[in-house]
Amino acid sequence: MKAKEYIIFSEAVETGINIGWNRAFKHVDLTEEQRKLLDKLEQSIKDSIYQAVTGQVCEYFEFDEHLNQIQLND
């Protein structure tokens, strides 16, 4: 049995981003207008962070190409 390293890594990054996002705004008082704007931007911001983090890690680590294909096709 072999771990699907890239999938584990990807899920850990995504989970970390979500935890960080929730902590960052836990005690912030936002107006309704600010909350709506933040809600519209949330996924775009999270996607940008995800791409930056995974891109940097992939500069230093290689993942099994087969596992990368599984991740891309899901």
N, C-alpha and C. Protein backbone atom coordinates (compact mmCIF):
# COMPACT_ATOMS: atom_id res chain seq x y z
N MET A 1 0.86 -1.17 0.00
CA MET A 1 0.00 0.00 0.00
C MET A 1 0.90 1.23 0.00
N LYS A 2 0.53 2.19 -0.81
CA LYS A 2 1.31 3.42 -0.91
C LYS A 2 0.37 4.61 -0.72
N ALA A 3 0.83 5.55 0.07
CA ALA A 3 0.03 6.75 0.33
C ALA A 3 -0.07 7.61 -0.94
N LYS A 4 -1.20 8.22 -1.12
CA LYS A 4 -1.39 9.15 -2.22
C LYS A 4 -0.92 10.52 -1.72
N GLU A 5 0.39 10.71 -1.80
CA GLU A 5 1.05 11.85 -1.17
C GLU A 5 0.49 13.20 -1.59
N TYR A 6 0.30 13.38 -2.87
CA TYR A 6 -0.17 14.69 -3.33
C TYR A 6 -1.58 14.98 -2.84
N ILE A 7 -2.42 13.97 -2.80
CA ILE A 7 -3.79 14.16 -2.33
C ILE A 7 -3.78 14.52 -0.84
N ILE A 8 -2.96 13.82 -0.06
CA ILE A 8 -2.84 14.13 1.37
C ILE A 8 -2.33 15.55 1.55
N PHE A 9 -1.28 15.90 0.82
CA PHE A 9 -0.70 17.24 0.89
C PHE A 9 -1.74 18.30 0.51
N SER A 10 -2.44 18.06 -0.59
CA SER A 10 -3.43 19.01 -1.08
C SER A 10 -4.55 19.25 -0.07
N GLU A 11 -5.04 18.17 0.52
CA GLU A 11 -6.11 18.29 1.52
C GLU A 11 -5.62 19.00 2.77
N ALA A 12 -4.36 18.76 3.16
CA ALA A 12 -3.81 19.44 4.33
C ALA A 12 -3.68 20.94 4.09
N VAL A 13 -3.26 21.32 2.90
CA VAL A 13 -3.16 22.75 2.57
C VAL A 13 -4.54 23.38 2.58
N GLU A 14 -5.51 22.73 1.95
CA GLU A 14 -6.87 23.27 1.90
C GLU A 14 -7.47 23.40 3.31
N THR A 15 -7.26 22.40 4.15
CA THR A 15 -7.76 22.45 5.52
C THR A 15 -7.09 23.59 6.28
N GLY A 16 -5.79 23.72 6.12
CA GLY A 16 -5.06 24.80 6.79
C GLY A 16 -5.54 26.18 6.36
N ILE A 17 -5.81 26.35 5.09
CA ILE A 17 -6.33 27.62 4.59
C ILE A 17 -7.69 27.92 5.23
N ASN A 18 -8.56 26.94 5.28
CA ASN A 18 -9.88 27.15 5.88
C ASN A 18 -9.79 27.47 7.37
N ILE A 19 -8.92 26.79 8.09
CA ILE A 19 -8.73 27.08 9.52
C ILE A 19 -8.20 28.49 9.70
N GLY A 20 -7.19 28.84 8.92
CA GLY A 20 -6.62 30.19 9.01
C GLY A 20 -7.63 31.27 8.67
N TRP A 21 -8.43 31.02 7.65
CA TRP A 21 -9.46 31.99 7.24
C TRP A 21 -10.45 32.23 8.38
N ASN A 22 -10.92 31.14 8.97
CA ASN A 22 -11.89 31.27 10.06
C ASN A 22 -11.30 31.97 11.27
N ARG A 23 -10.05 31.68 11.59
CA ARG A 23 -9.39 32.34 12.72
C ARG A 23 -9.16 33.82 12.45
N ALA A 24 -8.83 34.14 11.22
CA ALA A 24 -8.52 35.53 10.88
C ALA A 24 -9.71 36.45 11.08
N PHE A 25 -10.91 35.93 10.90
CA PHE A 25 -12.10 36.77 10.97
C PHE A 25 -13.00 36.43 12.17
N LYS A 26 -12.47 35.64 13.10
CA LYS A 26 -13.27 35.18 14.23
C LYS A 26 -13.77 36.34 15.11
N HIS A 27 -12.92 37.30 15.37
CA HIS A 27 -13.28 38.40 16.28
C HIS A 27 -13.32 39.75 15.57
N VAL A 28 -13.58 39.73 14.28
CA VAL A 28 -13.63 40.96 13.49
C VAL A 28 -15.08 41.37 13.31
N ASP A 29 -15.38 42.59 13.66
CA ASP A 29 -16.73 43.12 13.47
C ASP A 29 -16.82 43.77 12.10
N LEU A 30 -17.59 43.19 11.23
CA LEU A 30 -17.75 43.70 9.87
C LEU A 30 -19.17 44.21 9.69
N THR A 31 -19.29 45.26 8.88
CA THR A 31 -20.62 45.72 8.52
C THR A 31 -21.22 44.71 7.56
N GLU A 32 -22.50 44.80 7.34
CA GLU A 32 -23.17 43.89 6.40
C GLU A 32 -22.56 44.02 5.00
N GLU A 33 -22.25 45.23 4.60
CA GLU A 33 -21.65 45.47 3.29
C GLU A 33 -20.26 44.83 3.20
N GLN A 34 -19.46 44.99 4.25
CA GLN A 34 -18.14 44.38 4.27
C GLN A 34 -18.23 42.86 4.25
N ARG A 35 -19.17 42.30 4.99
CA ARG A 35 -19.35 40.85 5.03
C ARG A 35 -19.74 40.31 3.65
N LYS A 36 -20.63 41.01 2.95
CA LYS A 36 -21.04 40.58 1.61
C LYS A 36 -19.86 40.60 0.65
N LEU A 37 -19.04 41.66 0.72
CA LEU A 37 -17.87 41.76 -0.14
C LEU A 37 -16.88 40.63 0.17
N LEU A 38 -16.64 40.41 1.44
CA LEU A 38 -15.73 39.35 1.85
C LEU A 38 -16.24 37.98 1.39
N ASP A 39 -17.53 37.75 1.52
CA ASP A 39 -18.12 36.48 1.07
C ASP A 39 -17.92 36.28 -0.44
N LYS A 40 -18.03 37.37 -1.20
CA LYS A 40 -17.84 37.27 -2.66
C LYS A 40 -16.39 36.95 -3.01
N LEU A 41 -15.46 37.47 -2.22
CA LEU A 41 -14.04 37.32 -2.51
C LEU A 41 -13.41 36.08 -1.88
N GLU A 42 -14.09 35.48 -0.91
CA GLU A 42 -13.51 34.39 -0.12
C GLU A 42 -12.90 33.27 -0.96
N GLN A 43 -13.66 32.70 -1.86
CA GLN A 43 -13.15 31.56 -2.62
C GLN A 43 -11.98 31.95 -3.52
N SER A 44 -12.06 33.12 -4.11
CA SER A 44 -10.96 33.60 -4.97
C SER A 44 -9.68 33.77 -4.16
N ILE A 45 -9.81 34.34 -2.97
CA ILE A 45 -8.64 34.54 -2.11
C ILE A 45 -8.07 33.19 -1.69
N LYS A 46 -8.93 32.29 -1.24
CA LYS A 46 -8.48 30.96 -0.83
C LYS A 46 -7.81 30.21 -1.98
N ASP A 47 -8.37 30.32 -3.19
CA ASP A 47 -7.78 29.66 -4.35
C ASP A 47 -6.39 30.22 -4.65
N SER A 48 -6.24 31.52 -4.53
CA SER A 48 -4.93 32.15 -4.77
C SER A 48 -3.90 31.69 -3.75
N ILE A 49 -4.30 31.61 -2.49
CA ILE A 49 -3.40 31.13 -1.45
C ILE A 49 -3.01 29.68 -1.71
N TYR A 50 -4.00 28.86 -2.05
CA TYR A 50 -3.76 27.45 -2.34
C TYR A 50 -2.74 27.30 -3.47
N GLN A 51 -2.96 28.02 -4.56
CA GLN A 51 -2.06 27.92 -5.71
C GLN A 51 -0.64 28.38 -5.35
N ALA A 52 -0.53 29.44 -4.57
CA ALA A 52 0.79 29.94 -4.18
C ALA A 52 1.53 28.94 -3.29
N VAL A 53 0.83 28.40 -2.29
CA VAL A 53 1.46 27.45 -1.37
C VAL A 53 1.85 26.17 -2.09
N THR A 54 0.92 25.58 -2.83
CA THR A 54 1.24 24.33 -3.52
C THR A 54 2.32 24.54 -4.58
N GLY A 55 2.30 25.67 -5.23
CA GLY A 55 3.34 25.97 -6.22
C GLY A 55 4.72 26.05 -5.60
N GLN A 56 4.80 26.69 -4.44
CA GLN A 56 6.09 26.80 -3.76
C GLN A 56 6.58 25.44 -3.28
N VAL A 57 5.72 24.63 -2.72
CA VAL A 57 6.12 23.30 -2.25
C VAL A 57 6.58 22.45 -3.43
N CYS A 58 5.87 22.54 -4.54
CA CYS A 58 6.23 21.74 -5.72
C CYS A 58 7.55 22.19 -6.35
N GLU A 59 8.04 23.36 -5.99
CA GLU A 59 9.36 23.79 -6.44
C GLU A 59 10.46 22.95 -5.77
N TYR A 60 10.18 22.41 -4.59
CA TYR A 60 11.18 21.70 -3.81
C TYR A 60 10.94 20.20 -3.66
N PHE A 61 9.72 19.75 -3.95
CA PHE A 61 9.37 18.34 -3.81
C PHE A 61 8.72 17.84 -5.09
N GLU A 62 9.01 16.59 -5.41
CA GLU A 62 8.38 15.95 -6.55
C GLU A 62 7.38 14.93 -6.04
N PHE A 63 6.22 14.90 -6.65
CA PHE A 63 5.19 13.93 -6.31
C PHE A 63 5.08 12.95 -7.46
N ASP A 64 4.68 11.73 -7.16
CA ASP A 64 4.48 10.70 -8.16
C ASP A 64 3.53 11.23 -9.24
N GLU A 65 3.95 11.20 -10.48
CA GLU A 65 3.14 11.75 -11.58
C GLU A 65 1.76 11.11 -11.65
N HIS A 66 1.69 9.82 -11.40
CA HIS A 66 0.40 9.12 -11.42
C HIS A 66 -0.54 9.73 -10.37
N LEU A 67 -0.03 10.03 -9.20
CA LEU A 67 -0.87 10.60 -8.15
C LEU A 67 -1.31 12.00 -8.52
N ASN A 68 -0.44 12.76 -9.17
CA ASN A 68 -0.84 14.10 -9.61
C ASN A 68 -1.99 14.02 -10.61
N GLN A 69 -1.97 13.04 -11.50
CA GLN A 69 -3.04 12.88 -12.48
C GLN A 69 -4.35 12.52 -11.80
N ILE A 70 -4.28 11.69 -10.76
CA ILE A 70 -5.50 11.34 -10.02
C ILE A 70 -6.10 12.60 -9.41
N GLN A 71 -5.27 13.43 -8.82
CA GLN A 71 -5.75 14.66 -8.18
C GLN A 71 -6.37 15.58 -9.22
N LEU A 72 -5.75 15.74 -10.37
CA LEU A 72 -6.25 16.65 -11.39
C LEU A 72 -7.57 16.18 -12.00
N ASN A 73 -7.77 14.87 -12.03
CA ASN A 73 -8.98 14.32 -12.65
C ASN A 73 -10.16 14.26 -11.70
N ASP A 74 -9.97 14.45 -10.39
CA ASP A 74 -11.07 14.39 -9.41
C ASP A 74 -11.92 15.64 -9.43
